[in-house]
Every structure is written in structure tokens, then in C-alpha cells.
PDB file of all heavy atoms in Angstrom:
ATOM      1  N   GLU A   1      -2.035  -6.081 -20.652  1.00  0.00           N
ATOM      2  CA  GLU A   1      -1.953  -6.404 -19.208  1.00  0.00           C
ATOM      3  C   GLU A   1      -2.534  -5.448 -18.374  1.00  0.00           C
ATOM      4  O   GLU A   1      -2.876  -4.320 -18.799  1.00  0.00           O
ATOM      5  CB  GLU A   1      -0.383  -6.771 -18.893  1.00  0.00           C
ATOM      6  CG  GLU A   1       0.381  -5.476 -18.831  1.00  0.00           C
ATOM      7  CD  GLU A   1       1.728  -5.804 -18.207  1.00  0.00           C
ATOM      8  OE1 GLU A   1       1.838  -5.973 -17.115  1.00  0.00           O
ATOM      9  OE2 GLU A   1       2.681  -5.771 -19.033  1.00  0.00           O
ATOM     10  N   ASP A   2      -3.020  -5.768 -17.211  1.00  0.00           N
ATOM     11  CA  ASP A   2      -3.732  -4.962 -16.356  1.00  0.00           C
ATOM     12  C   ASP A   2      -2.727  -4.065 -15.510  1.00  0.00           C
ATOM     13  O   ASP A   2      -2.546  -4.043 -14.314  1.00  0.00           O
ATOM     14  CB  ASP A   2      -4.578  -5.701 -15.275  1.00  0.00           C
ATOM     15  CG  ASP A   2      -5.675  -6.582 -16.059  1.00  0.00           C
ATOM     16  OD1 ASP A   2      -6.243  -6.004 -16.913  1.00  0.00           O
ATOM     17  OD2 ASP A   2      -5.908  -7.668 -15.579  1.00  0.00           O
ATOM     18  N   VAL A   3      -2.262  -3.095 -16.320  1.00  0.00           N
ATOM     19  CA  VAL A   3      -1.307  -2.077 -15.674  1.00  0.00           C
ATOM     20  C   VAL A   3      -1.928  -1.220 -14.542  1.00  0.00           C
ATOM     21  O   VAL A   3      -1.468  -0.972 -13.464  1.00  0.00           O
ATOM     22  CB  VAL A   3      -0.732  -1.092 -16.758  1.00  0.00           C
ATOM     23  CG1 VAL A   3       0.106   0.077 -16.226  1.00  0.00           C
ATOM     24  CG2 VAL A   3      -0.092  -1.821 -17.854  1.00  0.00           C
ATOM     25  N   ASN A   4      -3.245  -0.819 -14.825  1.00  0.00           N
ATOM     26  CA  ASN A   4      -4.010  -0.130 -13.798  1.00  0.00           C
ATOM     27  C   ASN A   4      -4.094  -0.798 -12.545  1.00  0.00           C
ATOM     28  O   ASN A   4      -3.861  -0.352 -11.416  1.00  0.00           O
ATOM     29  CB  ASN A   4      -5.410   0.271 -14.453  1.00  0.00           C
ATOM     30  CG  ASN A   4      -6.195  -0.924 -14.980  1.00  0.00           C
ATOM     31  OD1 ASN A   4      -5.748  -2.078 -14.852  1.00  0.00           O
ATOM     32  ND2 ASN A   4      -7.319  -0.699 -15.437  1.00  0.00           N
ATOM     33  N   GLU A   5      -4.341  -2.095 -12.574  1.00  0.00           N
ATOM     34  CA  GLU A   5      -4.593  -2.987 -11.408  1.00  0.00           C
ATOM     35  C   GLU A   5      -3.223  -3.178 -10.827  1.00  0.00           C
ATOM     36  O   GLU A   5      -3.120  -3.269  -9.537  1.00  0.00           O
ATOM     37  CB  GLU A   5      -5.238  -4.271 -11.636  1.00  0.00           C
ATOM     38  CG  GLU A   5      -6.757  -4.100 -12.091  1.00  0.00           C
ATOM     39  CD  GLU A   5      -7.335  -5.442 -12.409  1.00  0.00           C
ATOM     40  OE1 GLU A   5      -7.150  -6.280 -11.757  1.00  0.00           O
ATOM     41  OE2 GLU A   5      -8.116  -5.378 -13.516  1.00  0.00           O
ATOM     42  N   ASN A   6      -2.179  -3.422 -11.557  1.00  0.00           N
ATOM     43  CA  ASN A   6      -0.918  -3.622 -10.948  1.00  0.00           C
ATOM     44  C   ASN A   6      -0.340  -2.356 -10.119  1.00  0.00           C
ATOM     45  O   ASN A   6      -0.047  -2.571  -9.023  1.00  0.00           O
ATOM     46  CB  ASN A   6       0.142  -3.778 -12.116  1.00  0.00           C
ATOM     47  CG  ASN A   6      -0.008  -5.028 -12.899  1.00  0.00           C
ATOM     48  OD1 ASN A   6      -0.680  -5.960 -12.393  1.00  0.00           O
ATOM     49  ND2 ASN A   6       0.610  -5.077 -14.111  1.00  0.00           N
ATOM     50  N   LEU A   7      -0.678  -1.221 -10.630  1.00  0.00           N
ATOM     51  CA  LEU A   7      -0.264  -0.048  -9.972  1.00  0.00           C
ATOM     52  C   LEU A   7      -1.166   0.219  -8.690  1.00  0.00           C
ATOM     53  O   LEU A   7      -0.623   0.529  -7.567  1.00  0.00           O
ATOM     54  CB  LEU A   7      -0.357   1.200 -10.885  1.00  0.00           C
ATOM     55  CG  LEU A   7       0.974   1.492 -11.644  1.00  0.00           C
ATOM     56  CD1 LEU A   7       0.715   2.797 -12.552  1.00  0.00           C
ATOM     57  CD2 LEU A   7       2.094   1.876 -10.668  1.00  0.00           C
ATOM     58  N   GLY A   8      -2.462   0.094  -8.954  1.00  0.00           N
ATOM     59  CA  GLY A   8      -3.334   0.346  -7.858  1.00  0.00           C
ATOM     60  C   GLY A   8      -3.255  -0.547  -6.636  1.00  0.00           C
ATOM     61  O   GLY A   8      -3.173  -0.150  -5.459  1.00  0.00           O
ATOM     62  N   THR A   9      -2.964  -1.858  -6.880  1.00  0.00           N
ATOM     63  CA  THR A   9      -2.765  -2.885  -5.912  1.00  0.00           C
ATOM     64  C   THR A   9      -1.477  -2.538  -5.170  1.00  0.00           C
ATOM     65  O   THR A   9      -1.390  -2.559  -3.937  1.00  0.00           O
ATOM     66  CB  THR A   9      -2.609  -4.244  -6.541  1.00  0.00           C
ATOM     67  OG1 THR A   9      -3.911  -4.544  -7.184  1.00  0.00           O
ATOM     68  CG2 THR A   9      -2.407  -5.351  -5.368  1.00  0.00           C
ATOM     69  N   ALA A  10      -0.375  -2.393  -5.808  1.00  0.00           N
ATOM     70  CA  ALA A  10       0.937  -2.053  -5.143  1.00  0.00           C
ATOM     71  C   ALA A  10       0.820  -0.775  -4.377  1.00  0.00           C
ATOM     72  O   ALA A  10       1.407  -0.725  -3.284  1.00  0.00           O
ATOM     73  CB  ALA A  10       2.062  -1.962  -6.322  1.00  0.00           C
ATOM     74  N   ALA A  11       0.303   0.241  -4.950  1.00  0.00           N
ATOM     75  CA  ALA A  11       0.228   1.459  -4.165  1.00  0.00           C
ATOM     76  C   ALA A  11      -0.649   1.340  -2.890  1.00  0.00           C
ATOM     77  O   ALA A  11      -0.344   1.910  -1.893  1.00  0.00           O
ATOM     78  CB  ALA A  11      -0.424   2.582  -5.063  1.00  0.00           C
ATOM     79  N   LEU A  12      -1.782   0.796  -2.973  1.00  0.00           N
ATOM     80  CA  LEU A  12      -2.709   0.562  -1.904  1.00  0.00           C
ATOM     81  C   LEU A  12      -2.124  -0.318  -0.798  1.00  0.00           C
ATOM     82  O   LEU A  12      -2.146   0.014   0.474  1.00  0.00           O
ATOM     83  CB  LEU A  12      -4.010  -0.093  -2.267  1.00  0.00           C
ATOM     84  CG  LEU A  12      -5.280   0.470  -1.397  1.00  0.00           C
ATOM     85  CD1 LEU A  12      -5.441   1.882  -1.400  1.00  0.00           C
ATOM     86  CD2 LEU A  12      -6.598  -0.179  -2.143  1.00  0.00           C
ATOM     87  N   ALA A  13      -1.391  -1.252  -1.181  1.00  0.00           N
ATOM     88  CA  ALA A  13      -0.565  -2.193  -0.302  1.00  0.00           C
ATOM     89  C   ALA A  13       0.438  -1.437   0.450  1.00  0.00           C
ATOM     90  O   ALA A  13       0.599  -1.523   1.633  1.00  0.00           O
ATOM     91  CB  ALA A  13      -0.029  -3.401  -0.964  1.00  0.00           C
ATOM     92  N   LYS A  14       1.186  -0.463  -0.195  1.00  0.00           N
ATOM     93  CA  LYS A  14       2.226   0.343   0.351  1.00  0.00           C
ATOM     94  C   LYS A  14       1.550   1.338   1.392  1.00  0.00           C
ATOM     95  O   LYS A  14       2.165   1.610   2.483  1.00  0.00           O
ATOM     96  CB  LYS A  14       2.919   1.113  -0.689  1.00  0.00           C
ATOM     97  CG  LYS A  14       3.978   2.007  -0.157  1.00  0.00           C
ATOM     98  CD  LYS A  14       5.091   1.175   0.668  1.00  0.00           C
ATOM     99  CE  LYS A  14       5.860   0.246  -0.124  1.00  0.00           C
ATOM    100  NZ  LYS A  14       6.928  -0.414   0.663  1.00  0.00           N
ATOM    101  N   TYR A  15       0.385   1.886   1.110  1.00  0.00           N
ATOM    102  CA  TYR A  15      -0.280   2.783   1.998  1.00  0.00           C
ATOM    103  C   TYR A  15      -0.557   2.085   3.212  1.00  0.00           C
ATOM    104  O   TYR A  15      -0.317   2.568   4.407  1.00  0.00           O
ATOM    105  CB  TYR A  15      -1.702   3.420   1.413  1.00  0.00           C
ATOM    106  CG  TYR A  15      -2.435   3.974   2.381  1.00  0.00           C
ATOM    107  CD1 TYR A  15      -2.130   5.255   2.786  1.00  0.00           C
ATOM    108  CD2 TYR A  15      -3.567   3.257   3.001  1.00  0.00           C
ATOM    109  CE1 TYR A  15      -3.002   5.908   3.751  1.00  0.00           C
ATOM    110  CE2 TYR A  15      -4.356   3.794   3.994  1.00  0.00           C
ATOM    111  CZ  TYR A  15      -4.073   5.122   4.307  1.00  0.00           C
ATOM    112  OH  TYR A  15      -4.856   5.755   5.268  1.00  0.00           O
ATOM    113  N   PHE A  16      -1.180   0.833   3.279  1.00  0.00           N
ATOM    114  CA  PHE A  16      -1.549   0.115   4.450  1.00  0.00           C
ATOM    115  C   PHE A  16      -0.421  -0.391   5.292  1.00  0.00           C
ATOM    116  O   PHE A  16      -0.447  -0.447   6.557  1.00  0.00           O
ATOM    117  CB  PHE A  16      -2.516  -0.968   4.085  1.00  0.00           C
ATOM    118  CG  PHE A  16      -3.940  -0.587   3.819  1.00  0.00           C
ATOM    119  CD1 PHE A  16      -4.420  -0.645   2.546  1.00  0.00           C
ATOM    120  CD2 PHE A  16      -4.718  -0.150   4.875  1.00  0.00           C
ATOM    121  CE1 PHE A  16      -5.643  -0.180   2.247  1.00  0.00           C
ATOM    122  CE2 PHE A  16      -6.035   0.172   4.699  1.00  0.00           C
ATOM    123  CZ  PHE A  16      -6.474   0.271   3.237  1.00  0.00           C
ATOM    124  N   GLU A  17       0.768  -0.613   4.536  1.00  0.00           N
ATOM    125  CA  GLU A  17       1.987  -1.095   5.121  1.00  0.00           C
ATOM    126  C   GLU A  17       2.537   0.128   5.982  1.00  0.00           C
ATOM    127  O   GLU A  17       2.956  -0.084   7.140  1.00  0.00           O
ATOM    128  CB  GLU A  17       2.939  -1.401   4.115  1.00  0.00           C
ATOM    129  CG  GLU A  17       4.402  -1.915   4.719  1.00  0.00           C
ATOM    130  CD  GLU A  17       5.451  -2.063   3.524  1.00  0.00           C
ATOM    131  OE1 GLU A  17       5.068  -2.529   2.437  1.00  0.00           O
ATOM    132  OE2 GLU A  17       6.501  -1.678   3.800  1.00  0.00           O
ATOM    133  N   LEU A  18       2.653   1.375   5.300  1.00  0.00           N
ATOM    134  CA  LEU A  18       3.036   2.412   6.018  1.00  0.00           C
ATOM    135  C   LEU A  18       2.176   2.910   7.259  1.00  0.00           C
ATOM    136  O   LEU A  18       2.596   3.330   8.316  1.00  0.00           O
ATOM    137  CB  LEU A  18       3.335   3.605   5.078  1.00  0.00           C
ATOM    138  CG  LEU A  18       4.343   3.363   4.140  1.00  0.00           C
ATOM    139  CD1 LEU A  18       4.382   4.698   3.146  1.00  0.00           C
ATOM    140  CD2 LEU A  18       5.732   3.311   4.817  1.00  0.00           C
ATOM    141  N   ARG A  19       0.833   2.782   7.067  1.00  0.00           N
ATOM    142  CA  ARG A  19      -0.074   3.043   8.075  1.00  0.00           C
ATOM    143  C   ARG A  19       0.089   2.133   9.206  1.00  0.00           C
ATOM    144  O   ARG A  19       0.211   2.601  10.403  1.00  0.00           O
ATOM    145  CB  ARG A  19      -1.558   2.847   7.638  1.00  0.00           C
ATOM    146  CG  ARG A  19      -2.580   3.426   8.543  1.00  0.00           C
ATOM    147  CD  ARG A  19      -3.964   2.969   8.210  1.00  0.00           C
ATOM    148  NE  ARG A  19      -4.121   1.588   8.243  1.00  0.00           N
ATOM    149  CZ  ARG A  19      -5.482   1.001   8.325  1.00  0.00           C
ATOM    150  NH1 ARG A  19      -6.436   1.693   8.344  1.00  0.00           N
ATOM    151  NH2 ARG A  19      -5.623  -0.332   8.337  1.00  0.00           N
ATOM    152  N   GLU A  20       0.265   0.823   8.989  1.00  0.00           N
ATOM    153  CA  GLU A  20       0.436  -0.029  10.158  1.00  0.00           C
ATOM    154  C   GLU A  20       1.824   0.232  10.910  1.00  0.00           C
ATOM    155  O   GLU A  20       1.846   0.070  12.110  1.00  0.00           O
ATOM    156  CB  GLU A  20       0.435  -1.430   9.541  1.00  0.00           C
ATOM    157  CG  GLU A  20       0.576  -2.541  10.828  1.00  0.00           C
ATOM    158  CD  GLU A  20       0.377  -3.896  10.189  1.00  0.00           C
ATOM    159  OE1 GLU A  20       0.190  -4.076   8.846  1.00  0.00           O
ATOM    160  OE2 GLU A  20       0.559  -4.910  10.946  1.00  0.00           O
ATOM    161  N   LYS A  21       2.755   0.499  10.053  1.00  0.00           N
ATOM    162  CA  LYS A  21       4.119   0.852  10.725  1.00  0.00           C
ATOM    163  C   LYS A  21       3.993   2.022  11.507  1.00  0.00           C
ATOM    164  O   LYS A  21       4.586   2.032  12.748  1.00  0.00           O
ATOM    165  CB  LYS A  21       5.109   1.058   9.613  1.00  0.00           C
ATOM    166  CG  LYS A  21       6.513   1.414  10.048  1.00  0.00           C
ATOM    167  CD  LYS A  21       7.398   1.626   8.970  1.00  0.00           C
ATOM    168  CE  LYS A  21       8.825   2.250   9.421  1.00  0.00           C
ATOM    169  NZ  LYS A  21       9.764   2.610   8.265  1.00  0.00           N
ATOM    170  N   ARG A  22       3.346   3.032  11.118  1.00  0.00           N
ATOM    171  CA  ARG A  22       3.254   4.233  11.798  1.00  0.00           C
ATOM    172  C   ARG A  22       2.340   4.036  13.156  1.00  0.00           C
ATOM    173  O   ARG A  22       2.718   4.651  14.217  1.00  0.00           O
ATOM    174  CB  ARG A  22       2.585   5.412  11.022  1.00  0.00           C
ATOM    175  CG  ARG A  22       2.550   6.783  11.659  1.00  0.00           C
ATOM    176  CD  ARG A  22       2.277   7.791  10.566  1.00  0.00           C
ATOM    177  NE  ARG A  22       3.305   7.969   9.587  1.00  0.00           N
ATOM    178  CZ  ARG A  22       3.199   7.919   8.227  1.00  0.00           C
ATOM    179  NH1 ARG A  22       1.890   7.725   7.752  1.00  0.00           N
ATOM    180  NH2 ARG A  22       4.102   8.067   7.529  1.00  0.00           N
ATOM    181  N   MET A  23       1.264   3.202  12.988  1.00  0.00           N
ATOM    182  CA  MET A  23       0.478   3.020  14.205  1.00  0.00           C
ATOM    183  C   MET A  23       1.360   2.197  15.278  1.00  0.00           C
ATOM    184  O   MET A  23       1.205   2.433  16.375  1.00  0.00           O
ATOM    185  CB  MET A  23      -0.758   1.947  13.806  1.00  0.00           C
ATOM    186  CG  MET A  23      -1.772   2.812  12.969  1.00  0.00           C
ATOM    187  SD  MET A  23      -3.051   1.957  12.351  1.00  0.00           S
ATOM    188  CE  MET A  23      -3.781   1.370  13.874  1.00  0.00           C
ATOM    189  N   ASN A  24       2.196   1.127  14.776  1.00  0.00           N
ATOM    190  CA  ASN A  24       3.020   0.492  15.684  1.00  0.00           C
ATOM    191  C   ASN A  24       4.037   1.386  16.459  1.00  0.00           C
ATOM    192  O   ASN A  24       4.245   1.324  17.599  1.00  0.00           O
ATOM    193  CB  ASN A  24       3.686  -0.739  14.968  1.00  0.00           C
ATOM    194  CG  ASN A  24       2.870  -1.754  14.525  1.00  0.00           C
ATOM    195  OD1 ASN A  24       1.751  -2.019  15.071  1.00  0.00           O
ATOM    196  ND2 ASN A  24       3.278  -2.411  13.444  1.00  0.00           N
ATOM    197  N   GLU A  25       4.517   2.377  15.673  1.00  0.00           N
ATOM    198  CA  GLU A  25       5.519   3.313  16.213  1.00  0.00           C
ATOM    199  C   GLU A  25       4.793   4.254  17.239  1.00  0.00           C
ATOM    200  O   GLU A  25       5.294   4.447  18.340  1.00  0.00           O
ATOM    201  CB  GLU A  25       6.201   4.070  15.217  1.00  0.00           C
ATOM    202  CG  GLU A  25       7.110   3.284  14.259  1.00  0.00           C
ATOM    203  CD  GLU A  25       7.593   4.210  13.071  1.00  0.00           C
ATOM    204  OE1 GLU A  25       7.095   5.363  12.826  1.00  0.00           O
ATOM    205  OE2 GLU A  25       8.541   3.770  12.434  1.00  0.00           O
ATOM    206  N   GLU A  26       3.560   4.675  16.997  1.00  0.00           N
ATOM    207  CA  GLU A  26       2.811   5.511  17.852  1.00  0.00           C
ATOM    208  C   GLU A  26       2.535   4.697  19.117  1.00  0.00           C
ATOM    209  O   GLU A  26       2.470   5.249  20.255  1.00  0.00           O
ATOM    210  CB  GLU A  26       1.658   6.035  17.214  1.00  0.00           C
ATOM    211  CG  GLU A  26       1.912   7.001  16.082  1.00  0.00           C
ATOM    212  CD  GLU A  26       0.712   7.412  15.338  1.00  0.00           C
ATOM    213  OE1 GLU A  26      -0.375   6.962  15.550  1.00  0.00           O
ATOM    214  OE2 GLU A  26       0.757   8.457  14.394  1.00  0.00           O
TER     215      GLU A  26
END
């Protein structure tokens, strides 16, 4: 199974989620 893509996708999605949250707070 594509473990590399599972991890990469989840991690990148979390980065953009936190970025958007921080931008909204700012």
C-alpha cells in the first residue's frame, strides 16, 4: 500500500489546516 502517500497527504493537509487557522486568528 502507498504508505508514503498516506503519510505525505495527511501531513501536508495538517500543515495547511494549521496555517489557515493561524491566519484566521491573526
